[in-house]
């Protein structure tokens, strides 16, 4: 759609592509399944022409029409569109006037006064472009967890027929929020067969290197994927070694040395080179006198000491989550109705959800007026009465205004079951003001959680300047939860903040901030972030039965 807009194509055609993209993103079913069943044209906005293009991409990993468009649009122009805050119209205007070929050329142009002579361009526009360039550079070679995991699973599944065991390792297995590549490990008695299968996968765009037991390829979005093939008897040791982190591995090797042993990617050996363990990862830990340490904890952040003392955290798991407490519907900026979101949550096995549409100040997201909030609440009550085994909680994601007040009166908030309070505006206020806004919101007896507490968007927006120590201290005092937002563009709080908040006595909710069905699938990323922060399930409010969860804040009194 961006490339068509740059070319000045028919606006209806551009909108058709964008609408199709949104509809595919919000699908409850897998698009590959629909393609195999010949049902792509059943998706709203997808006709036979678009269905054919989607099917072509799914079969070949490319779309000839898209490749042709890329040839027709100058490279410099196409690159500019990738920069946050530079849309197709802005990019075309700059290109037509200055014939910019590279990001470096654009940056140099912004540092002159020439753009200010272009009608509609102000200093703020130029500053935003420069910030966008900085973000663009920062995220090059950086891939979001939620993009990398599905791709890694797809690659592993493809290789299953060419190896005895296949899994991804590295920072992706440790569930870091940003990864730089994908590491795949395969156990095989026929490495040549496994390597050949790897190099001929449909998603391969180029082969970077290949050898007897390892190979590297480049796939979509310039992502590098490395394969290492090992003997099955070394599988567990190799999984441990290639999962890392480097610091964790050093500590494990040191422990082995103290016991007169040698640990490497091939196994655990005694002084006579006899293999003591290697085929299974858990055996490595057992032979070294340790309980199994989950990959998410392997950062040398104290996990070795905790394991040795039998004090590893009882981590929250995705199956522990009983309900999602941050969701949007068509009442505000969600894609599906309240009833449709309830049905989707029930299919996922939840016991309760809170429907938390935006409040009135956030007009851009269709925030609800006071009157509409009450209508929304009435619908939630009707849906709640419909089920005996499932609770539908009437809620809101209420804006914390720039003066620190909430967007709805206490009288209205008292009529709701669950209130999330979030900052959506005024991000550039000073640290003291931003902090005071959040602290004041937590002192409201109806506010149960602060949503996406730092406001960051990975690769697109830095966290705002807020005193998290003060926020965490007040959260613990007022029994207000902090959210671990599972949207993989946010993962907010992050792992480090989770760890600190845990130490300060804070409780959490892990929620998806779902705006469509597929957003619910992000829950494991939020859980993994919490796990990396050593959060135990007794600290997560939405693992509790609904009545116990609802009674938590009531124990606080100002």
Protein backbone atom coordinates (compact mmCIF):
# COMPACT_ATOMS: atom_id res chain seq x y z
CA UNK A 1 0.00 0.00 0.00
CA UNK A 2 2.84 2.40 0.82
CA UNK A 3 4.52 1.76 -2.52
CA UNK A 4 1.25 2.28 -4.38
CA UNK A 5 0.67 5.54 -2.52
CA UNK A 6 4.16 6.73 -3.46
CA UNK A 7 3.30 6.03 -7.09
CA UNK A 8 0.09 8.04 -6.79
CA UNK A 9 -2.11 5.02 -7.47
CA UNK A 10 -5.89 5.06 -7.15
CA UNK A 11 -6.74 5.89 -3.49
CA UNK A 12 -9.44 3.20 -3.47
CA UNK A 13 -6.87 0.59 -4.45
CA UNK A 14 -4.48 1.77 -1.73
CA UNK A 15 -7.24 1.63 0.87
CA UNK A 16 -8.21 -1.86 -0.33
CA UNK A 17 -4.70 -3.17 0.37
CA UNK A 18 -4.57 -1.50 3.79
CA UNK A 19 -8.03 -2.78 4.71
CA UNK A 20 -7.05 -6.29 3.59
CA UNK A 21 -3.91 -6.14 5.74
CA UNK A 22 -5.93 -5.13 8.80
CA UNK A 23 -8.50 -7.86 8.19
CA UNK A 24 -5.78 -10.52 7.85
CA UNK A 25 -4.06 -9.25 11.00
CA UNK A 26 -7.28 -9.62 12.95
CA UNK A 27 -8.12 -13.12 11.74
CA UNK A 28 -9.06 -15.72 14.32
CA UNK A 29 -7.91 -18.47 11.92
CA UNK A 30 -4.47 -19.05 10.47
CA UNK A 31 -4.21 -17.47 7.00
CA UNK A 32 -2.26 -20.52 5.72
CA UNK A 33 -5.17 -22.77 6.74
CA UNK A 34 -7.64 -20.56 4.87
CA UNK A 35 -5.40 -20.62 1.80
CA UNK A 36 -5.17 -24.42 1.81
CA UNK A 37 -8.95 -24.61 2.09
CA UNK A 38 -9.45 -22.16 -0.76
CA UNK A 39 -11.26 -19.77 1.59
CA UNK A 40 -9.12 -16.62 1.33
CA UNK A 41 -11.86 -14.81 -0.57
CA UNK A 42 -14.14 -15.30 2.45
CA UNK A 43 -12.03 -12.72 4.33
CA UNK A 44 -13.72 -9.29 4.16
CA UNK A 45 -12.00 -7.10 1.58
CA UNK A 46 -10.19 -10.01 -0.13
CA UNK A 47 -11.28 -10.62 -3.72
CA UNK A 48 -9.93 -13.18 -6.16
CA UNK A 49 -7.03 -10.92 -7.22
CA UNK A 50 -5.78 -10.32 -3.68
CA UNK A 51 -6.42 -13.95 -2.74
CA UNK A 52 -4.16 -15.02 -5.61
CA UNK A 53 -1.39 -12.69 -4.46
CA UNK A 54 -1.62 -13.90 -0.86
CA UNK A 55 -1.55 -17.52 -2.01
CA UNK A 56 1.51 -16.75 -4.16
CA UNK A 57 3.32 -15.28 -1.16
CA UNK A 58 2.44 -18.23 1.07
CA UNK A 59 3.71 -20.69 -1.55
CA UNK A 60 6.88 -18.89 -2.65
CA UNK A 61 7.76 -16.40 0.10
CA UNK A 62 7.47 -13.52 -2.39
CA UNK A 63 4.89 -11.67 -4.45
CA UNK A 64 5.74 -10.80 -8.05
CA UNK A 65 3.56 -7.66 -7.98
CA UNK A 66 5.41 -6.43 -4.88
CA UNK A 67 8.79 -7.18 -6.47
CA UNK A 68 7.78 -5.18 -9.55
CA UNK A 69 6.66 -2.25 -7.43
CA UNK A 70 10.00 -2.25 -5.63
CA UNK A 71 11.77 -1.99 -8.99
CA UNK A 72 9.58 0.93 -10.07
CA UNK A 73 9.99 2.93 -6.86
CA UNK A 74 13.46 4.49 -6.37
CA UNK A 75 15.43 2.77 -3.61
CA UNK A 76 15.94 5.98 -1.65
CA UNK A 77 12.21 6.62 -1.61
CA UNK A 78 11.39 3.08 -0.51
CA UNK A 79 13.96 3.33 2.29
CA UNK A 80 12.49 6.60 3.58
CA UNK A 81 9.08 5.00 4.11
CA UNK A 82 10.69 2.57 6.59
CA UNK A 83 11.58 5.46 8.92
CA UNK A 84 9.13 6.04 11.80
CA UNK A 85 7.23 9.34 11.34
CA UNK A 86 7.97 9.46 7.58
CA UNK A 87 4.86 8.41 5.68
CA UNK A 88 4.55 7.87 1.92
CA UNK A 89 3.38 11.45 1.21
CA UNK A 90 6.22 13.02 3.20
CA UNK A 91 8.77 10.68 1.64
CA UNK A 92 7.57 11.46 -1.90
CA UNK A 93 7.59 15.20 -1.25
CA UNK A 94 11.20 15.05 -0.01
CA UNK A 95 12.32 12.77 -2.82
CA UNK A 96 10.72 14.80 -5.59
CA UNK A 97 12.34 18.00 -4.36
CA UNK A 98 15.78 16.76 -3.27
CA UNK A 99 16.28 13.33 -4.94
CA UNK A 100 17.40 11.74 -1.67
CA UNK A 101 19.05 8.35 -2.28
CA UNK A 102 20.12 7.24 1.22
CA UNK A 103 19.16 7.62 4.87
CA UNK A 104 22.46 9.44 5.36
CA UNK A 105 21.46 11.97 2.68
CA UNK A 106 18.16 12.55 4.45
CA UNK A 107 19.89 13.08 7.78
CA UNK A 108 22.27 15.60 6.23
CA UNK A 109 19.34 17.41 4.61
CA UNK A 110 17.54 17.65 7.97
CA UNK A 111 20.59 19.34 9.45
CA UNK A 112 20.27 22.20 6.95
CA UNK A 113 17.41 24.70 6.66
CA UNK A 114 16.28 23.42 3.25
CA UNK A 115 13.33 21.34 4.49
CA UNK A 116 11.93 24.36 6.33
CA UNK A 117 11.42 25.98 2.93
CA UNK A 118 9.02 23.21 1.90
CA UNK A 119 5.37 24.19 2.47
CA UNK A 120 3.96 22.41 5.52
CA UNK A 121 7.37 21.49 6.96
CA UNK A 122 8.14 23.00 10.35
CA UNK A 123 11.05 22.50 12.76
CA UNK A 124 8.95 19.96 14.65
CA UNK A 125 8.59 17.95 11.41
CA UNK A 126 12.36 17.95 10.90
CA UNK A 127 13.01 17.00 14.53
CA UNK A 128 10.56 14.09 14.22
CA UNK A 129 12.33 12.85 11.08
CA UNK A 130 15.71 12.97 12.86
CA UNK A 131 14.26 11.02 15.79
CA UNK A 132 12.78 8.56 13.32
CA UNK A 133 16.20 8.06 11.70
CA UNK A 134 17.70 7.35 15.11
CA UNK A 135 15.01 4.76 15.85
CA UNK A 136 15.40 3.23 12.38
CA UNK A 137 19.12 2.71 12.94
CA UNK A 138 18.58 1.35 16.41
CA UNK A 139 16.17 -1.32 15.22
CA UNK A 140 18.16 -2.45 12.16
CA UNK A 141 19.24 -5.98 12.89
CA UNK A 142 16.92 -5.99 15.89
CA UNK A 143 13.89 -8.26 15.65
CA UNK A 144 10.92 -8.29 18.00
CA UNK A 145 10.34 -11.46 19.98
CA UNK A 146 6.81 -11.82 18.62
CA UNK A 147 8.09 -11.74 15.04
CA UNK A 148 11.02 -14.10 15.57
CA UNK A 149 9.28 -16.87 17.55
CA UNK A 150 6.65 -17.78 14.90
CA UNK A 151 9.33 -17.78 12.19
CA UNK A 152 11.64 -19.97 14.29
CA UNK A 153 8.81 -22.43 14.92
CA UNK A 154 8.03 -22.56 11.21
CA UNK A 155 11.68 -23.26 10.36
CA UNK A 156 11.94 -25.98 13.00
CA UNK A 157 8.78 -27.63 11.78
CA UNK A 158 10.11 -27.65 8.23
CA UNK A 159 13.31 -29.40 9.37
CA UNK A 160 11.60 -32.05 11.48
CA UNK A 161 11.65 -34.56 8.63
CA UNK A 162 15.39 -34.14 8.12
CA UNK A 163 16.59 -34.57 11.72
CA UNK A 164 15.82 -36.53 14.86
CA UNK A 165 15.35 -33.42 17.00
CA UNK A 166 15.09 -29.73 16.12
CA UNK A 167 14.66 -26.65 18.33
CA UNK A 168 15.64 -23.01 18.42
CA UNK A 169 18.21 -21.84 20.95
CA UNK A 170 20.08 -18.62 21.73
CA UNK A 171 18.50 -15.44 23.04
CA UNK A 172 15.23 -16.43 21.39
CA UNK A 173 14.92 -19.47 23.65
CA UNK A 174 15.70 -17.20 26.60
CA UNK A 175 12.79 -15.07 25.33
CA UNK A 176 14.64 -11.78 25.17
CA UNK A 177 12.44 -8.95 23.92
CA UNK A 178 14.82 -8.21 21.02
CA UNK A 179 16.89 -10.77 19.14
CA UNK A 180 19.50 -10.25 16.43
CA UNK A 181 19.26 -13.61 14.69
CA UNK A 182 17.75 -17.08 15.04
CA UNK A 183 19.86 -20.02 16.21
CA UNK A 184 18.54 -23.47 15.32
CA UNK A 185 19.95 -26.70 16.67
CA UNK A 186 19.35 -30.09 15.06
CA UNK A 187 20.35 -33.58 16.20
CA UNK A 188 21.04 -35.79 13.23
CA UNK A 189 23.03 -38.85 12.19
CA UNK A 190 22.99 -37.47 8.64
CA UNK A 191 24.17 -33.83 8.85
CA UNK A 192 24.42 -33.47 5.05
CA UNK A 193 20.71 -34.29 4.68
CA UNK A 194 19.78 -31.81 7.42
CA UNK A 195 21.97 -29.04 5.96
CA UNK A 196 20.51 -29.59 2.49
CA UNK A 197 16.95 -29.37 3.81
CA UNK A 198 17.86 -26.15 5.63
CA UNK A 199 19.39 -24.51 2.56
CA UNK A 200 16.45 -25.37 0.30
CA UNK A 201 13.62 -24.12 2.51
CA UNK A 202 11.17 -21.88 0.60
CA UNK A 203 11.88 -18.90 2.87
CA UNK A 204 15.62 -18.79 2.05
CA UNK A 205 16.55 -15.53 0.31
CA UNK A 206 20.29 -16.12 0.27
CA UNK A 207 22.88 -18.59 1.58
CA UNK A 208 25.57 -16.92 3.68
CA UNK A 209 27.70 -19.95 4.58
CA UNK A 210 27.60 -23.72 4.63
CA UNK A 211 29.78 -26.50 5.95
CA UNK A 212 29.64 -30.06 7.19
CA UNK A 213 27.69 -29.38 10.40
CA UNK A 214 26.61 -25.76 10.17
CA UNK A 215 25.09 -23.28 7.75
CA UNK A 216 23.73 -19.73 7.70
CA UNK A 217 20.99 -18.21 5.58
CA UNK A 218 19.23 -14.91 5.15
CA UNK A 219 15.41 -14.87 5.24
CA UNK A 220 12.71 -12.20 5.27
CA UNK A 221 13.51 -8.75 6.66
CA UNK A 222 17.22 -9.49 6.26
CA UNK A 223 17.17 -11.81 9.28
CA UNK A 224 20.05 -14.26 9.64
CA UNK A 225 19.34 -17.84 10.66
CA UNK A 226 22.17 -20.11 11.81
CA UNK A 227 21.90 -23.90 11.94
CA UNK A 228 24.18 -26.19 13.93
CA UNK A 229 23.87 -29.98 13.52
CA UNK A 230 25.08 -32.17 16.39
CA UNK A 231 25.21 -35.85 17.20
CA UNK A 232 22.11 -36.98 19.13
CA UNK A 233 24.24 -37.99 22.13
CA UNK A 234 25.31 -34.34 22.46
CA UNK A 235 21.84 -32.81 22.03
CA UNK A 236 21.27 -31.75 25.64
CA UNK A 237 24.76 -30.30 26.11
CA UNK A 238 24.51 -28.43 22.83
CA UNK A 239 21.08 -27.05 23.71
CA UNK A 240 22.50 -25.75 26.98
CA UNK A 241 25.60 -24.30 25.36
CA UNK A 242 23.88 -22.60 22.41
CA UNK A 243 21.02 -21.26 24.54
CA UNK A 244 23.45 -19.27 26.71
CA UNK A 245 23.77 -16.72 28.00
CA UNK A 246 27.55 -16.56 27.78
CA UNK A 247 27.73 -15.38 31.40
CA UNK A 248 25.53 -18.27 32.57
CA UNK A 249 27.61 -20.79 30.62
CA UNK A 250 30.80 -19.53 32.23
CA UNK A 251 29.29 -20.04 35.69
CA UNK A 252 28.21 -23.58 34.76
CA UNK A 253 31.68 -24.45 33.44
CA UNK A 254 33.24 -23.05 36.63
CA UNK A 255 30.97 -25.29 38.70
CA UNK A 256 31.97 -28.29 36.60
CA UNK A 257 35.67 -27.50 37.00
CA UNK A 258 35.31 -27.30 40.79
CA UNK A 259 33.92 -30.84 40.66
CA UNK A 260 36.81 -32.07 38.52
CA UNK A 261 34.64 -32.19 35.41
CA UNK A 262 34.64 -30.62 31.96
CA UNK A 263 31.52 -29.10 30.37
CA UNK A 264 31.25 -28.08 26.73
CA UNK A 265 28.79 -28.28 23.85
CA UNK A 266 29.48 -31.99 23.41
CA UNK A 267 28.71 -33.11 26.95
CA UNK A 268 29.82 -33.31 30.57
CA UNK A 269 33.00 -35.37 30.99
CA UNK A 270 35.09 -36.62 33.90
CA UNK A 271 38.88 -36.44 34.11
CA UNK A 272 39.24 -39.59 31.99
CA UNK A 273 37.01 -38.09 29.24
CA UNK A 274 34.15 -40.43 30.09
CA UNK A 275 30.84 -38.86 29.11
CA UNK A 276 28.64 -38.40 32.19
CA UNK A 277 25.79 -36.54 30.52
CA UNK A 278 24.96 -34.88 27.22
CA UNK A 279 21.94 -36.38 25.51
CA UNK A 280 19.41 -34.56 27.71
CA UNK A 281 19.77 -31.02 28.98
CA UNK A 282 18.29 -31.79 32.38
CA UNK A 283 20.99 -34.41 33.00
CA UNK A 284 23.68 -31.70 32.82
CA UNK A 285 22.11 -29.84 35.73
CA UNK A 286 21.45 -33.02 37.68
CA UNK A 287 25.06 -34.23 37.41
CA UNK A 288 26.27 -30.83 38.60
CA UNK A 289 23.99 -31.03 41.64
CA UNK A 290 21.50 -28.41 40.49
CA UNK A 291 17.77 -28.38 39.70
CA UNK A 292 16.89 -27.57 36.11
CA UNK A 293 17.22 -23.83 35.48
CA UNK A 294 14.65 -22.58 32.92
CA UNK A 295 16.19 -20.84 29.89
CA UNK A 296 14.45 -17.54 30.75
CA UNK A 297 16.55 -17.30 33.94
CA UNK A 298 19.95 -18.04 32.39
CA UNK A 299 21.44 -14.55 32.49
CA UNK A 300 23.76 -14.86 35.53
CA UNK A 301 21.36 -12.65 37.47
CA UNK A 302 21.58 -14.87 40.56
CA UNK A 303 20.02 -18.05 39.17
CA UNK A 304 23.09 -20.17 39.96
CA UNK A 305 23.05 -19.19 43.62
CA UNK A 306 19.29 -19.59 43.86
CA UNK A 307 19.47 -23.04 42.24
CA UNK A 308 22.26 -24.17 44.56
CA UNK A 309 20.20 -23.08 47.58
CA UNK A 310 16.96 -24.61 46.28
CA UNK A 311 15.42 -21.14 45.97
CA UNK A 312 14.59 -20.82 42.27
CA UNK A 313 11.35 -18.86 41.83
CA UNK A 314 8.09 -20.71 41.26
CA UNK A 315 7.58 -18.94 37.95
CA UNK A 316 4.19 -18.01 36.55
CA UNK A 317 3.27 -20.07 33.47
CA UNK A 318 0.88 -19.23 30.59
CA UNK A 319 -1.55 -21.93 31.73
CA UNK A 320 -1.79 -20.24 35.16
CA UNK A 321 -3.51 -17.17 33.71
CA UNK A 322 -7.24 -17.37 34.38
CA UNK A 323 -8.33 -14.16 32.67
CA UNK A 324 -7.30 -11.21 30.55
CA UNK A 325 -7.87 -7.85 32.23
CA UNK A 326 -7.05 -5.41 29.42
CA UNK A 327 -9.07 -5.77 26.21
CA UNK A 328 -10.73 -3.47 23.68
CA UNK A 329 -13.84 -3.89 21.55
CA UNK A 330 -15.68 -1.99 18.83
CA UNK A 331 -16.92 0.32 21.57
CA UNK A 332 -13.56 2.10 21.14
CA UNK A 333 -10.69 1.02 18.87
CA UNK A 334 -11.08 -2.76 18.96
CA UNK A 335 -11.88 -4.79 15.85
CA UNK A 336 -14.54 -7.09 17.31
CA UNK A 337 -17.66 -6.65 19.38
CA UNK A 338 -17.83 -7.30 23.10
CA UNK A 339 -19.66 -10.59 22.53
CA UNK A 340 -17.12 -11.72 19.93
CA UNK A 341 -14.21 -10.98 22.29
CA UNK A 342 -15.98 -12.88 25.06
CA UNK A 343 -16.45 -15.88 22.77
CA UNK A 344 -12.78 -15.78 21.77
CA UNK A 345 -11.69 -15.63 25.42
CA UNK A 346 -13.93 -18.57 26.33
CA UNK A 347 -12.41 -20.59 23.49
CA UNK A 348 -8.99 -19.90 24.98
CA UNK A 349 -10.14 -21.41 28.26
CA UNK A 350 -10.24 -18.23 30.33
CA UNK A 351 -12.52 -17.98 33.35
CA UNK A 352 -13.00 -14.21 33.17
CA UNK A 353 -12.10 -11.09 31.20
CA UNK A 354 -12.41 -7.34 31.71
CA UNK A 355 -13.55 -5.28 28.73
CA UNK A 356 -11.60 -2.06 29.16
CA UNK A 357 -12.38 0.30 26.30
CA UNK A 358 -10.80 3.74 26.13
CA UNK A 359 -12.14 6.78 27.96
CA UNK A 360 -13.52 9.99 26.47
CA UNK A 361 -10.32 12.08 26.25
CA UNK A 362 -8.75 9.66 23.81
CA UNK A 363 -10.87 10.70 20.86
CA UNK A 364 -8.42 9.27 18.35
CA UNK A 365 -9.16 5.80 19.77
CA UNK A 366 -12.93 6.31 19.94
CA UNK A 367 -12.98 6.90 23.69
CA UNK A 368 -16.37 6.50 25.38
CA UNK A 369 -18.43 9.40 26.68
CA UNK A 370 -19.92 9.09 30.16
CA UNK A 371 -23.21 8.00 28.62
CA UNK A 372 -21.56 5.43 26.35
CA UNK A 373 -19.56 4.06 29.28
CA UNK A 374 -22.81 3.23 31.02
CA UNK A 375 -24.17 1.58 27.87
CA UNK A 376 -20.94 -0.38 27.60
CA UNK A 377 -21.34 -1.42 31.24
CA UNK A 378 -24.92 -2.54 30.61
CA UNK A 379 -23.76 -4.75 27.73
CA UNK A 380 -21.05 -6.27 29.94
CA UNK A 381 -23.67 -7.03 32.60
CA UNK A 382 -25.92 -8.72 30.01
CA UNK A 383 -23.02 -10.84 28.74
CA UNK A 384 -21.98 -11.69 32.29
CA UNK A 385 -25.48 -12.94 33.09
CA UNK A 386 -25.38 -15.18 30.03
CA UNK A 387 -22.76 -17.56 31.48
CA UNK A 388 -22.59 -19.55 34.68
CA UNK A 389 -18.93 -20.55 34.25
CA UNK A 390 -17.46 -17.29 32.97
CA UNK A 391 -17.33 -13.70 34.24
CA UNK A 392 -17.47 -10.63 32.02
CA UNK A 393 -16.21 -7.65 34.00
CA UNK A 394 -17.27 -4.14 33.05
CA UNK A 395 -14.17 -2.01 32.87
CA UNK A 396 -12.33 0.89 31.31
CA UNK A 397 -8.84 1.94 30.40
CA UNK A 398 -9.23 5.38 31.86
CA UNK A 399 -6.87 8.14 30.78
CA UNK A 400 -4.71 9.83 33.38
CA UNK A 401 -5.09 13.42 32.24
CA UNK A 402 -2.20 15.83 31.98
CA UNK A 403 -3.19 17.46 35.27
CA UNK A 404 -3.21 14.08 37.03
CA UNK A 405 -6.99 13.71 37.30
CA UNK A 406 -8.81 10.74 35.79
CA UNK A 407 -11.00 10.95 32.73
CA UNK A 408 -14.11 9.72 34.56
CA UNK A 409 -15.53 10.75 37.91
CA UNK A 410 -15.28 8.48 40.94
CA UNK A 411 -19.06 8.19 40.78
CA UNK A 412 -18.79 6.52 37.36
CA UNK A 413 -15.71 4.45 38.22
CA UNK A 414 -17.51 3.05 41.27
CA UNK A 415 -20.04 1.44 38.94
CA UNK A 416 -17.38 -0.60 37.15
CA UNK A 417 -15.74 -3.89 38.07
CA UNK A 418 -12.21 -3.23 36.87
CA UNK A 419 -10.30 -0.02 36.12
CA UNK A 420 -7.00 0.21 34.25
CA UNK A 421 -5.43 3.67 34.35
CA UNK A 422 -2.92 4.65 31.66
CA UNK A 423 -1.00 7.60 30.25
CA UNK A 424 -1.71 8.25 26.59
CA UNK A 425 -0.81 11.95 26.35
CA UNK A 426 1.67 14.44 27.75
CA UNK A 427 4.65 12.09 27.38
CA UNK A 428 7.06 15.04 27.18
CA UNK A 429 6.19 16.45 30.57
CA UNK A 430 9.04 16.58 33.06
CA UNK A 431 9.89 13.60 35.25
CA UNK A 432 8.31 14.95 38.42
CA UNK A 433 5.02 15.80 36.67
CA UNK A 434 4.72 12.44 34.90
CA UNK A 435 5.51 10.59 38.12
CA UNK A 436 3.00 12.63 40.12
CA UNK A 437 0.26 11.86 37.58
CA UNK A 438 0.74 8.09 37.95
CA UNK A 439 1.12 8.24 41.74
CA UNK A 440 -2.10 10.23 42.03
CA UNK A 441 -3.93 7.71 39.87
CA UNK A 442 -2.80 4.82 42.09
CA UNK A 443 -4.20 6.61 45.12
CA UNK A 444 -7.67 6.36 43.61
CA UNK A 445 -9.41 3.38 45.29
CA UNK A 446 -11.02 2.30 42.00
CA UNK A 447 -7.80 2.05 39.98
CA UNK A 448 -6.60 -1.55 40.10
CA UNK A 449 -3.69 -1.44 37.65
CA UNK A 450 -1.44 0.97 35.77
CA UNK A 451 -1.35 0.01 32.10
CA UNK A 452 1.90 -0.13 30.09
CA UNK A 453 3.71 1.84 32.82
CA UNK A 454 6.62 3.25 30.79
CA UNK A 455 4.78 3.88 27.51
CA UNK A 456 7.49 2.48 25.30
CA UNK A 457 7.00 0.98 21.84
CA UNK A 458 9.98 -1.19 20.97
CA UNK A 459 11.88 0.31 18.06
CA UNK A 460 9.43 3.19 17.69
CA UNK A 461 9.14 5.10 20.96
CA UNK A 462 11.41 5.34 23.97
CA UNK A 463 9.98 5.07 27.51
CA UNK A 464 8.86 8.36 28.94
CA UNK A 465 10.89 9.92 31.72
CA UNK A 466 9.22 8.64 34.87
CA UNK A 467 10.57 7.78 38.33
CA UNK A 468 9.77 4.07 38.39
CA UNK A 469 11.19 3.63 41.89
CA UNK A 470 8.57 6.07 43.19
CA UNK A 471 5.84 4.42 41.10
CA UNK A 472 6.78 0.96 42.38
CA UNK A 473 6.86 2.13 45.98
CA UNK A 474 3.39 3.65 45.70
CA UNK A 475 2.07 0.61 43.80
CA UNK A 476 3.12 -1.63 46.68
CA UNK A 477 1.65 0.73 49.28
CA UNK A 478 -1.72 1.16 47.57
CA UNK A 479 -1.97 -2.47 46.38
CA UNK A 480 -2.19 -1.23 42.78
CA UNK A 481 -0.87 -3.72 40.24
CA UNK A 482 1.56 -2.83 37.50
CA UNK A 483 0.84 -4.30 34.12
CA UNK A 484 3.13 -6.54 32.14
CA UNK A 485 1.67 -5.70 28.75
CA UNK A 486 2.10 -8.77 26.54
CA UNK A 487 1.85 -6.91 23.23
CA UNK A 488 5.29 -7.73 21.81
CA UNK A 489 5.68 -4.14 20.61
CA UNK A 490 5.47 -3.08 24.26
CA UNK A 491 6.45 -5.81 26.79
CA UNK A 492 5.98 -3.11 29.38
CA UNK A 493 7.05 -3.50 32.18
CA UNK A 494 10.26 -5.06 30.90
CA UNK A 495 12.15 -7.88 32.60
CA UNK A 496 14.50 -5.66 34.61
CA UNK A 497 11.65 -3.51 35.89
CA UNK A 498 9.68 -6.66 36.76
CA UNK A 499 12.57 -7.94 38.86
CA UNK A 500 12.89 -4.65 40.73
CA UNK A 501 9.14 -4.29 41.27
CA UNK A 502 9.03 -7.85 42.61
CA UNK A 503 11.73 -6.99 45.14
CA UNK A 504 9.70 -3.94 46.22
CA UNK A 505 6.60 -6.03 46.94
CA UNK A 506 4.56 -5.07 43.88
CA UNK A 507 1.86 -7.31 42.40
CA UNK A 508 1.22 -7.61 38.67
CA UNK A 509 -1.29 -8.42 36.01
CA UNK A 510 -0.16 -9.94 32.72
CA UNK A 511 -2.57 -8.87 30.01
CA UNK A 512 -2.62 -8.66 26.23
CA UNK A 513 -4.20 -5.25 25.58
CA UNK A 514 -6.07 -7.11 22.85
CA UNK A 515 -7.71 -5.17 20.06
CA UNK A 516 -8.47 -8.31 18.00
CA UNK A 517 -8.46 -12.09 18.34
CA UNK A 518 -4.83 -12.58 17.36
CA UNK A 519 -3.62 -10.20 20.07
CA UNK A 520 -4.67 -12.80 22.63
CA UNK A 521 -1.95 -15.07 21.24
CA UNK A 522 0.65 -12.64 22.62
CA UNK A 523 0.09 -13.79 26.20
CA UNK A 524 3.19 -16.08 26.27
CA UNK A 525 5.43 -13.10 25.49
CA UNK A 526 4.12 -11.23 28.50
CA UNK A 527 4.46 -14.32 30.68
CA UNK A 528 8.04 -14.85 29.46
CA UNK A 529 8.89 -11.24 30.28
CA UNK A 530 7.50 -11.73 33.78
CA UNK A 531 9.47 -14.98 34.11
CA UNK A 532 12.67 -13.22 33.10
CA UNK A 533 11.88 -10.81 35.95
CA UNK A 534 11.61 -13.77 38.36
CA UNK A 535 7.89 -13.15 38.95
CA UNK A 536 6.19 -15.99 40.76
CA UNK A 537 2.58 -16.88 40.21
CA UNK A 538 1.47 -15.74 43.67
CA UNK A 539 2.43 -12.20 42.60
CA UNK A 540 0.21 -12.23 39.51
CA UNK A 541 -3.35 -11.12 40.18
CA UNK A 542 -4.97 -12.74 37.17
CA UNK A 543 -3.91 -16.25 38.16
CA UNK A 544 -6.36 -15.98 41.06
CA UNK A 545 -10.08 -16.85 41.05
CA UNK A 546 -12.14 -13.84 40.04
CA UNK A 547 -13.52 -12.96 43.50
CA UNK A 548 -10.10 -13.17 45.13
CA UNK A 549 -8.71 -11.03 42.33
CA UNK A 550 -11.43 -8.40 42.76
CA UNK A 551 -10.94 -8.25 46.53
CA UNK A 552 -7.21 -7.48 46.28
CA UNK A 553 -7.38 -3.67 46.01
CA UNK A 554 -10.19 -3.44 48.55
CA UNK A 555 -7.69 -4.30 51.28
CA UNK A 556 -6.06 -0.89 50.72
CA UNK A 557 -7.33 2.16 52.54
CA UNK A 558 -5.84 5.64 52.22
